[in-house]
C-alpha atoms as a PDB file:
ATOM      1  CA  MET A   1     -24.121 -15.607  68.307  1.00  0.00           C
ATOM      2  CA  LYS A   2     -25.433 -13.167  65.696  1.00  0.00           C
ATOM      3  CA  ALA A   3     -23.316 -11.604  62.967  1.00  0.00           C
ATOM      4  CA  ALA A   4     -23.904  -8.199  64.594  1.00  0.00           C
ATOM      5  CA  GLU A   5     -22.090  -9.509  67.683  1.00  0.00           C
ATOM      6  CA  LEU A   6     -19.044 -10.634  65.704  1.00  0.00           C
ATOM      7  CA  GLN A   7     -16.088  -8.585  64.574  1.00  0.00           C
ATOM      8  CA  LEU A   8     -14.020  -9.278  61.471  1.00  0.00           C
ATOM      9  CA  ASP A   9     -11.083  -7.058  60.661  1.00  0.00           C
ATOM     10  CA  ARG A  10      -9.590  -8.925  57.723  1.00  0.00           C
ATOM     11  CA  MET A  11     -10.403 -11.710  55.241  1.00  0.00           C
ATOM     12  CA  VAL A  12      -7.640 -13.474  53.322  1.00  0.00           C
ATOM     13  CA  ALA A  13      -8.448 -15.768  50.388  1.00  0.00           C
ATOM     14  CA  CYS A  14      -6.461 -17.878  47.948  1.00  0.00           C
ATOM     15  CA  THR A  15      -7.226 -16.499  44.501  1.00  0.00           C
ATOM     16  CA  GLY A  16      -6.977 -17.906  40.983  1.00  0.00           C
ATOM     17  CA  GLY A  17      -9.462 -16.447  38.540  1.00  0.00           C
ATOM     18  CA  GLY A  18     -11.246 -14.585  41.325  1.00  0.00           C
ATOM     19  CA  GLY A  19     -14.713 -16.161  41.255  1.00  0.00           C
ATOM     20  CA  LEU A  20     -14.574 -17.678  44.739  1.00  0.00           C
ATOM     21  CA  THR A  21     -12.934 -14.535  46.096  1.00  0.00           C
ATOM     22  CA  SER A  22     -15.654 -12.308  44.638  1.00  0.00           C
ATOM     23  CA  GLY A  23     -18.407 -14.379  46.263  1.00  0.00           C
ATOM     24  CA  ILE A  24     -16.576 -14.250  49.582  1.00  0.00           C
ATOM     25  CA  ALA A  25     -15.987 -10.500  49.220  1.00  0.00           C
ATOM     26  CA  LEU A  26     -19.670  -9.789  48.553  1.00  0.00           C
ATOM     27  CA  SER A  27     -20.712 -11.691  51.647  1.00  0.00           C
ATOM     28  CA  ILE A  28     -17.989 -10.282  53.898  1.00  0.00           C
ATOM     29  CA  LYS A  29     -18.655  -6.682  52.850  1.00  0.00           C
ATOM     30  CA  HIS A  30     -22.388  -7.177  53.454  1.00  0.00           C
ATOM     31  CA  HIS A  31     -21.854  -8.377  57.020  1.00  0.00           C
ATOM     32  CA  PHE A  32     -18.581  -6.596  57.875  1.00  0.00           C
ATOM     33  CA  PRO A  33     -18.300  -3.464  55.697  1.00  0.00           C
ATOM     34  CA  GLU A  34     -15.093  -2.273  57.373  1.00  0.00           C
ATOM     35  CA  ALA A  35     -13.222  -5.566  56.914  1.00  0.00           C
ATOM     36  CA  LYS A  36     -10.149  -5.532  54.675  1.00  0.00           C
ATOM     37  CA  ILE A  37     -10.182  -8.316  52.089  1.00  0.00           C
ATOM     38  CA  HIS A  38      -7.032  -9.617  50.411  1.00  0.00           C
ATOM     39  CA  SER A  39      -6.459 -11.944  47.495  1.00  0.00           C
ATOM     40  CA  VAL A  40      -3.341 -14.137  47.746  1.00  0.00           C
ATOM     41  CA  GLU A  41      -1.282 -15.676  44.942  1.00  0.00           C
ATOM     42  CA  PRO A  42       2.169 -17.187  44.492  1.00  0.00           C
ATOM     43  CA  VAL A  43       5.089 -14.906  43.626  1.00  0.00           C
ATOM     44  CA  GLY A  44       5.524 -14.644  39.869  1.00  0.00           C
ATOM     45  CA  PHE A  45       1.881 -15.533  39.218  1.00  0.00           C
ATOM     46  CA  ASP A  46       0.349 -12.420  40.751  1.00  0.00           C
ATOM     47  CA  ASP A  47      -1.955 -11.340  37.935  1.00  0.00           C
ATOM     48  CA  TYR A  48      -4.692 -10.491  40.458  1.00  0.00           C
ATOM     49  CA  LYS A  49      -2.454  -8.284  42.573  1.00  0.00           C
ATOM     50  CA  ARG A  50      -1.126  -6.501  39.494  1.00  0.00           C
ATOM     51  CA  SER A  51      -4.659  -6.104  38.134  1.00  0.00           C
ATOM     52  CA  LEU A  52      -5.884  -4.614  41.408  1.00  0.00           C
ATOM     53  CA  ASP A  53      -2.893  -2.245  41.433  1.00  0.00           C
ATOM     54  CA  SER A  54      -3.385  -1.105  37.822  1.00  0.00           C
ATOM     55  CA  GLY A  55      -7.192  -1.198  37.740  1.00  0.00           C
ATOM     56  CA  LYS A  56      -7.225  -3.305  34.567  1.00  0.00           C
ATOM     57  CA  LEU A  57      -6.831  -6.988  33.740  1.00  0.00           C
ATOM     58  CA  GLU A  58      -3.203  -8.113  33.718  1.00  0.00           C
ATOM     59  CA  CYS A  59      -1.899 -11.433  32.394  1.00  0.00           C
ATOM     60  CA  ASN A  60       0.659 -13.891  33.705  1.00  0.00           C
ATOM     61  CA  ALA A  61       3.541 -14.564  31.346  1.00  0.00           C
ATOM     62  CA  THR A  62       3.222 -18.297  32.044  1.00  0.00           C
ATOM     63  CA  THR A  63       0.957 -20.665  33.927  1.00  0.00           C
ATOM     64  CA  ALA A  64       3.632 -23.116  35.065  1.00  0.00           C
ATOM     65  CA  GLY A  65       6.441 -22.991  37.576  1.00  0.00           C
ATOM     66  CA  SER A  66       4.884 -22.874  41.039  1.00  0.00           C
ATOM     67  CA  ILE A  67       3.780 -25.635  43.397  1.00  0.00           C
ATOM     68  CA  CYS A  68       0.579 -23.590  43.826  1.00  0.00           C
ATOM     69  CA  ASP A  69      -0.674 -24.699  40.405  1.00  0.00           C
ATOM     70  CA  ALA A  70      -4.324 -25.056  41.492  1.00  0.00           C
ATOM     71  CA  ILE A  71      -4.728 -21.270  41.672  1.00  0.00           C
ATOM     72  CA  ILE A  72      -2.622 -20.170  38.729  1.00  0.00           C
ATOM     73  CA  ALA A  73      -4.739 -18.598  36.013  1.00  0.00           C
ATOM     74  CA  PRO A  74      -3.673 -16.832  32.822  1.00  0.00           C
ATOM     75  CA  MET A  75      -5.492 -13.701  34.031  1.00  0.00           C
ATOM     76  CA  PRO A  76      -8.335 -12.721  36.354  1.00  0.00           C
ATOM     77  CA  GLY A  77     -11.859 -13.555  35.253  1.00  0.00           C
ATOM     78  CA  ALA A  78     -13.641 -10.455  33.969  1.00  0.00           C
ATOM     79  CA  ILE A  79     -16.808 -10.786  36.070  1.00  0.00           C
ATOM     80  CA  GLY A  80     -15.020 -11.565  39.323  1.00  0.00           C
ATOM     81  CA  PHE A  81     -12.543  -8.759  38.749  1.00  0.00           C
ATOM     82  CA  GLU A  82     -15.331  -6.209  38.249  1.00  0.00           C
ATOM     83  CA  ILE A  83     -16.607  -7.159  41.702  1.00  0.00           C
ATOM     84  CA  ASN A  84     -13.227  -7.517  43.407  1.00  0.00           C
ATOM     85  CA  LYS A  85     -11.653  -4.296  42.173  1.00  0.00           C
ATOM     86  CA  ASN A  86     -14.178  -2.388  44.278  1.00  0.00           C
ATOM     87  CA  LEU A  87     -14.178  -4.644  47.341  1.00  0.00           C
ATOM     88  CA  LEU A  88     -10.627  -5.899  47.877  1.00  0.00           C
ATOM     89  CA  HIS A  89      -8.152  -3.954  49.978  1.00  0.00           C
ATOM     90  CA  SER A  90      -5.107  -5.397  48.207  1.00  0.00           C
ATOM     91  CA  GLY A  91      -3.505  -8.403  46.618  1.00  0.00           C
ATOM     92  CA  LEU A  92      -0.779 -10.272  48.473  1.00  0.00           C
ATOM     93  CA  VAL A  93       1.877 -12.702  47.282  1.00  0.00           C
ATOM     94  CA  VAL A  94       3.723 -15.561  48.973  1.00  0.00           C
ATOM     95  CA  THR A  95       6.617 -17.753  47.933  1.00  0.00           C
ATOM     96  CA  ASP A  96       6.378 -21.489  47.360  1.00  0.00           C
ATOM     97  CA  GLU A  97       8.469 -21.955  50.519  1.00  0.00           C
ATOM     98  CA  GLU A  98       5.970 -19.876  52.510  1.00  0.00           C
ATOM     99  CA  ALA A  99       3.150 -22.029  51.105  1.00  0.00           C
ATOM    100  CA  LEU A 100       5.046 -25.162  52.198  1.00  0.00           C
ATOM    101  CA  ALA A 101       5.461 -23.706  55.699  1.00  0.00           C
ATOM    102  CA  ALA A 102       1.703 -23.023  55.798  1.00  0.00           C
ATOM    103  CA  ILE A 103       0.986 -26.633  54.790  1.00  0.00           C
ATOM    104  CA  LYS A 104       3.149 -27.774  57.681  1.00  0.00           C
ATOM    105  CA  PHE A 105       1.440 -25.368  60.093  1.00  0.00           C
ATOM    106  CA  ALA A 106      -2.022 -26.503  58.946  1.00  0.00           C
ATOM    107  CA  TYR A 107      -1.057 -30.126  59.455  1.00  0.00           C
ATOM    108  CA  GLU A 108       0.696 -29.771  62.797  1.00  0.00           C
ATOM    109  CA  GLU A 109      -1.448 -27.099  64.449  1.00  0.00           C
ATOM    110  CA  LEU A 110      -4.870 -27.463  62.802  1.00  0.00           C
ATOM    111  CA  LYS A 111      -4.752 -31.169  61.883  1.00  0.00           C
ATOM    112  CA  LEU A 112      -5.681 -30.316  58.280  1.00  0.00           C
ATOM    113  CA  VAL A 113      -4.181 -31.426  54.979  1.00  0.00           C
ATOM    114  CA  VAL A 114      -4.236 -28.649  52.388  1.00  0.00           C
ATOM    115  CA  GLU A 115      -2.731 -28.328  48.950  1.00  0.00           C
ATOM    116  CA  PRO A 116      -0.220 -25.556  48.180  1.00  0.00           C
ATOM    117  CA  GLY A 117      -2.677 -23.280  46.364  1.00  0.00           C
ATOM    118  CA  GLY A 118      -5.176 -23.727  49.170  1.00  0.00           C
ATOM    119  CA  ALA A 119      -2.547 -22.818  51.766  1.00  0.00           C
ATOM    120  CA  VAL A 120      -1.474 -19.434  50.372  1.00  0.00           C
ATOM    121  CA  ALA A 121      -3.967 -17.443  52.467  1.00  0.00           C
ATOM    122  CA  LEU A 122      -2.633 -19.065  55.626  1.00  0.00           C
ATOM    123  CA  ALA A 123       0.896 -18.388  54.364  1.00  0.00           C
ATOM    124  CA  ALA A 124       0.027 -14.694  53.995  1.00  0.00           C
ATOM    125  CA  VAL A 125      -1.354 -14.546  57.537  1.00  0.00           C
ATOM    126  CA  LEU A 126       1.762 -16.238  58.890  1.00  0.00           C
ATOM    127  CA  LYS A 127       3.887 -13.760  56.896  1.00  0.00           C
ATOM    128  CA  HIS A 128       1.986 -10.663  58.063  1.00  0.00           C
ATOM    129  CA  GLY A 129       1.050 -11.924  61.528  1.00  0.00           C
ATOM    130  CA  LYS A 130       3.014  -9.379  63.529  1.00  0.00           C
ATOM    131  CA  GLU A 131       1.594  -6.381  61.683  1.00  0.00           C
ATOM    132  CA  TRP A 132      -1.947  -7.803  61.951  1.00  0.00           C
ATOM    133  CA  ALA A 133      -1.611  -8.781  65.625  1.00  0.00           C
ATOM    134  CA  GLY A 134      -4.805  -8.306  67.609  1.00  0.00           C
ATOM    135  CA  GLU A 135      -7.061  -8.409  64.560  1.00  0.00           C
ATOM    136  CA  THR A 136      -9.799 -10.936  63.936  1.00  0.00           C
ATOM    137  CA  ILE A 137      -8.885 -12.614  60.649  1.00  0.00           C
ATOM    138  CA  ALA A 138     -10.794 -15.129  58.528  1.00  0.00           C
ATOM    139  CA  ILE A 139      -8.764 -17.375  56.234  1.00  0.00           C
ATOM    140  CA  VAL A 140      -9.802 -19.566  53.325  1.00  0.00           C
ATOM    141  CA  LEU A 141      -8.060 -22.961  53.425  1.00  0.00           C
ATOM    142  CA  SER A 142      -9.057 -25.168  50.532  1.00  0.00           C
ATOM    143  CA  GLY A 143      -8.213 -28.336  48.695  1.00  0.00           C
ATOM    144  CA  GLY A 144      -6.527 -31.473  49.947  1.00  0.00           C
ATOM    145  CA  ASN A 145      -5.170 -32.597  46.586  1.00  0.00           C
ATOM    146  CA  ILE A 146      -1.466 -32.635  47.388  1.00  0.00           C
ATOM    147  CA  ASP A 147       1.159 -34.931  45.928  1.00  0.00           C
ATOM    148  CA  PRO A 148       2.367 -37.306  48.694  1.00  0.00           C
ATOM    149  CA  ASP A 149       6.046 -36.500  48.052  1.00  0.00           C
ATOM    150  CA  LEU A 150       5.341 -32.763  48.230  1.00  0.00           C
ATOM    151  CA  PHE A 151       3.379 -33.270  51.448  1.00  0.00           C
ATOM    152  CA  VAL A 152       6.311 -35.135  53.010  1.00  0.00           C
ATOM    153  CA  ARG A 153       8.622 -32.332  51.873  1.00  0.00           C
ATOM    154  CA  ALA A 154       6.323 -29.755  53.497  1.00  0.00           C
ATOM    155  CA  ILE A 155       6.004 -31.446  56.866  1.00  0.00           C
ATOM    156  CA  SER A 156       9.657 -32.516  57.154  1.00  0.00           C
END
């Protein structure tokens, strides 16, 4: 199947400093110019969302306090943000509990083990699923570096 035969309505990516998200956004917009692309971060560590909303780099007050520590950055990276501010539709946020539910879903339904920061995009899709019903959505799931006790907590 060729890219021209595919449809993509939305791309959702876990986002820390924004480098991975900017590379994804460049590729997605090249092949699917109408697709909406979203960054996803944990609540309280949403420097990317706030930066997209304000149009300038915003900082997090702290870099500790979420189970999604792998994607917490002090602020967006300057180069990635210059790319993303023009390509992303919006920034989304999820709670730690929503990330845990996504870990459980990934394990039970997809047979994948993902860490909390790598599960936030899936958490956002699960959160917004009803409003995005019928759309073709791509999700970034990344990282399997999860503490065993936290994994047990997530799947219990």
